[in-house]
């Protein structure tokens, strides 16, 4: 807890949410994997973001505590919707068709490398990695459940019931709310 509280730097509205996040993250991932096509893997070969200054960051580890989505067959699963997913990472240090685990393996940090054949196949078939894989899996679930997906429609506020459970959002678009 000291690690996440330190990196939050006091910017948390409710510090108890950190406890809830840490305590329930594994169940949240299990839930998402049970109700969506999302599959994740641990990224054990990624160095901790704060490794270079570890003596100043309580709880810093040699390697991160990260998970990432497995590659998602966006074109096959989403059809035309796949065109809305990113095809390139905004971080030039990361591969556009490789997982973070594979990126770290290429840096000599252990793990299996992605072969050129695998990378070419992912590109040819429209298989997305990293954040686009996560978004693709979640989008697939929305479409499968006939949820109306609106683009360029920012959420304004969450709608909650009498028990403070989120039951919807209030949004606006160029056409109005």
Protein backbone atom coordinates (compact mmCIF):
# COMPACT_ATOMS: atom_id res chain seq x y z
CA UNK A 1 0.00 0.00 0.00
CA UNK A 2 2.88 2.36 0.72
CA UNK A 3 3.98 2.12 -2.93
CA UNK A 4 0.66 3.09 -4.50
CA UNK A 5 0.00 5.77 -1.88
CA UNK A 6 3.43 7.27 -2.60
CA UNK A 7 2.99 7.38 -6.37
CA UNK A 8 -0.52 8.84 -5.99
CA UNK A 9 1.19 11.75 -4.23
CA UNK A 10 -1.89 12.85 -2.35
CA UNK A 11 -3.94 13.28 -5.53
CA UNK A 12 -6.57 10.75 -4.46
CA UNK A 13 -10.01 12.13 -3.61
CA UNK A 14 -10.76 9.17 -1.32
CA UNK A 15 -7.70 7.30 0.02
CA UNK A 16 -9.91 4.30 0.87
CA UNK A 17 -10.35 3.76 -2.88
CA UNK A 18 -6.70 2.69 -3.03
CA UNK A 19 -7.44 -0.08 -0.53
CA UNK A 20 -10.51 -1.11 -2.51
CA UNK A 21 -8.52 -1.12 -5.76
CA UNK A 22 -5.72 -3.26 -4.34
CA UNK A 23 -8.11 -5.63 -2.55
CA UNK A 24 -10.46 -6.17 -5.50
CA UNK A 25 -8.25 -5.91 -8.60
CA UNK A 26 -7.85 -9.70 -8.98
CA UNK A 27 -11.62 -10.24 -8.71
CA UNK A 28 -12.22 -7.43 -11.20
CA UNK A 29 -9.92 -9.09 -13.73
CA UNK A 30 -11.54 -12.48 -13.12
CA UNK A 31 -14.96 -10.90 -13.64
CA UNK A 32 -13.95 -9.14 -16.88
CA UNK A 33 -12.40 -12.34 -18.22
CA UNK A 34 -15.59 -14.27 -17.37
CA UNK A 35 -18.06 -11.88 -19.07
CA UNK A 36 -16.00 -10.51 -21.97
CA UNK A 37 -13.57 -12.00 -24.51
CA UNK A 38 -10.74 -10.23 -22.65
CA UNK A 39 -7.81 -12.43 -21.67
CA UNK A 40 -4.85 -11.05 -19.73
CA UNK A 41 -1.33 -12.08 -18.81
CA UNK A 42 1.10 -10.96 -16.12
CA UNK A 43 4.01 -8.88 -17.36
CA UNK A 44 6.70 -10.12 -15.02
CA UNK A 45 9.66 -8.97 -17.11
CA UNK A 46 8.79 -5.26 -17.02
CA UNK A 47 10.99 -3.19 -14.72
CA UNK A 48 9.25 -1.06 -12.12
CA UNK A 49 8.65 2.45 -13.45
CA UNK A 50 10.46 3.93 -10.43
CA UNK A 51 13.36 1.45 -10.42
CA UNK A 52 15.99 4.16 -11.04
CA UNK A 53 14.95 6.00 -7.86
CA UNK A 54 13.86 2.97 -5.84
CA UNK A 55 15.47 4.23 -2.63
CA UNK A 56 12.98 7.15 -2.64
CA UNK A 57 9.88 5.05 -3.40
CA UNK A 58 8.65 2.82 -0.57
CA UNK A 59 7.56 -0.62 -1.73
CA UNK A 60 9.35 -0.40 -5.10
CA UNK A 61 10.05 -3.86 -6.59
CA UNK A 62 12.55 -5.09 -9.17
CA UNK A 63 9.72 -5.79 -11.59
CA UNK A 64 6.28 -4.31 -12.06
CA UNK A 65 2.97 -5.70 -10.91
CA UNK A 66 1.40 -5.26 -14.33
CA UNK A 67 -1.04 -7.19 -16.47
CA UNK A 68 -1.86 -6.67 -20.12
CA UNK A 69 -4.45 -7.98 -22.55
CA UNK A 70 -3.52 -10.82 -24.85
CA UNK A 71 -3.71 -9.99 -28.56
CA UNK A 72 -7.33 -9.53 -29.73
CA UNK A 73 -8.55 -10.44 -33.25
CA UNK A 74 -10.26 -7.10 -33.83
CA UNK A 75 -11.10 -7.39 -37.54
CA UNK A 76 -12.52 -10.90 -37.10
CA UNK A 77 -14.53 -10.04 -33.98
CA UNK A 78 -15.60 -6.45 -34.69
CA UNK A 79 -15.77 -6.10 -38.47
CA UNK A 80 -16.11 -2.41 -39.42
CA UNK A 81 -15.90 -1.33 -35.79
CA UNK A 82 -12.26 -2.48 -35.75
CA UNK A 83 -11.35 0.54 -37.89
CA UNK A 84 -11.92 2.74 -34.83
CA UNK A 85 -9.24 0.97 -32.78
CA UNK A 86 -5.68 2.23 -32.72
CA UNK A 87 -3.32 0.34 -34.99
CA UNK A 88 -0.14 1.93 -33.65
CA UNK A 89 1.09 2.72 -30.18
CA UNK A 90 1.62 6.37 -29.36
CA UNK A 91 4.82 5.37 -27.57
CA UNK A 92 7.54 4.95 -30.16
CA UNK A 93 9.49 2.67 -27.82
CA UNK A 94 6.74 0.06 -27.97
CA UNK A 95 5.96 -2.28 -30.82
CA UNK A 96 2.74 -1.71 -32.74
CA UNK A 97 2.03 -5.43 -33.11
CA UNK A 98 3.77 -6.83 -30.04
CA UNK A 99 2.67 -7.26 -26.46
CA UNK A 100 4.43 -5.39 -23.69
CA UNK A 101 5.84 -8.72 -22.51
CA UNK A 102 7.32 -9.26 -25.99
CA UNK A 103 8.68 -5.70 -26.07
CA UNK A 104 10.51 -6.31 -22.81
CA UNK A 105 11.84 -9.66 -24.08
CA UNK A 106 13.31 -7.80 -27.07
CA UNK A 107 15.15 -5.58 -24.57
CA UNK A 108 16.79 -8.69 -23.11
CA UNK A 109 14.59 -8.86 -20.02
CA UNK A 110 13.52 -12.49 -20.44
CA UNK A 111 10.46 -14.04 -21.97
CA UNK A 112 9.54 -15.12 -25.45
CA UNK A 113 10.22 -12.88 -28.42
CA UNK A 114 7.57 -12.30 -31.05
CA UNK A 115 8.79 -13.76 -34.33
CA UNK A 116 8.57 -11.74 -37.53
CA UNK A 117 5.98 -14.25 -38.73
CA UNK A 118 3.78 -13.66 -35.68
CA UNK A 119 4.05 -9.87 -36.02
CA UNK A 120 3.26 -10.04 -39.78
CA UNK A 121 0.26 -12.31 -39.09
CA UNK A 122 -1.11 -9.92 -36.45
CA UNK A 123 -0.81 -7.00 -38.84
CA UNK A 124 -2.34 -8.93 -41.76
CA UNK A 125 -5.32 -10.16 -39.70
CA UNK A 126 -5.93 -6.89 -37.80
CA UNK A 127 -5.03 -8.35 -34.42
CA UNK A 128 -4.64 -5.60 -31.83
CA UNK A 129 -2.36 -5.56 -28.80
CA UNK A 130 -2.02 -3.51 -25.62
CA UNK A 131 -4.72 -0.87 -25.03
CA UNK A 132 -6.41 -1.48 -28.39
CA UNK A 133 -6.82 -5.17 -27.42
CA UNK A 134 -8.48 -4.14 -24.15
CA UNK A 135 -10.80 -1.65 -25.86
CA UNK A 136 -11.61 -4.19 -28.59
CA UNK A 137 -12.61 -6.90 -26.12
CA UNK A 138 -14.81 -4.49 -24.17
CA UNK A 139 -16.37 -3.08 -27.35
CA UNK A 140 -17.15 -6.62 -28.55
CA UNK A 141 -19.09 -7.22 -25.34
CA UNK A 142 -21.09 -4.02 -25.76
CA UNK A 143 -21.98 -4.91 -29.34
CA UNK A 144 -22.91 -8.48 -28.38
CA UNK A 145 -25.35 -7.08 -25.82
CA UNK A 146 -26.89 -4.57 -28.24
CA UNK A 147 -25.59 -1.58 -26.27
CA UNK A 148 -25.89 1.58 -28.33
CA UNK A 149 -22.34 2.83 -28.87
CA UNK A 150 -22.09 6.54 -29.56
CA UNK A 151 -19.00 8.28 -30.83
CA UNK A 152 -18.06 11.88 -30.04
CA UNK A 153 -20.48 11.82 -27.13
CA UNK A 154 -18.64 12.71 -23.91
CA UNK A 155 -20.13 11.56 -20.62
CA UNK A 156 -21.21 14.45 -18.41
CA UNK A 157 -22.05 12.55 -15.23
CA UNK A 158 -22.82 9.09 -13.89
CA UNK A 159 -26.44 8.21 -13.15
CA UNK A 160 -26.84 6.26 -9.89
CA UNK A 161 -29.74 4.53 -8.22
CA UNK A 162 -30.87 4.87 -4.59
CA UNK A 163 -27.99 2.59 -3.50
CA UNK A 164 -25.38 4.67 -5.39
CA UNK A 165 -24.92 1.88 -7.95
CA UNK A 166 -24.09 3.27 -11.39
CA UNK A 167 -26.98 2.54 -13.76
CA UNK A 168 -26.10 4.80 -16.66
CA UNK A 169 -24.53 8.02 -17.84
CA UNK A 170 -25.74 11.42 -18.90
CA UNK A 171 -23.97 12.45 -22.10
CA UNK A 172 -24.06 15.14 -24.73
CA UNK A 173 -23.31 15.16 -28.42
CA UNK A 174 -23.41 17.73 -31.23
CA UNK A 175 -27.07 16.75 -31.62
CA UNK A 176 -27.80 17.43 -27.92
CA UNK A 177 -28.11 15.33 -24.72
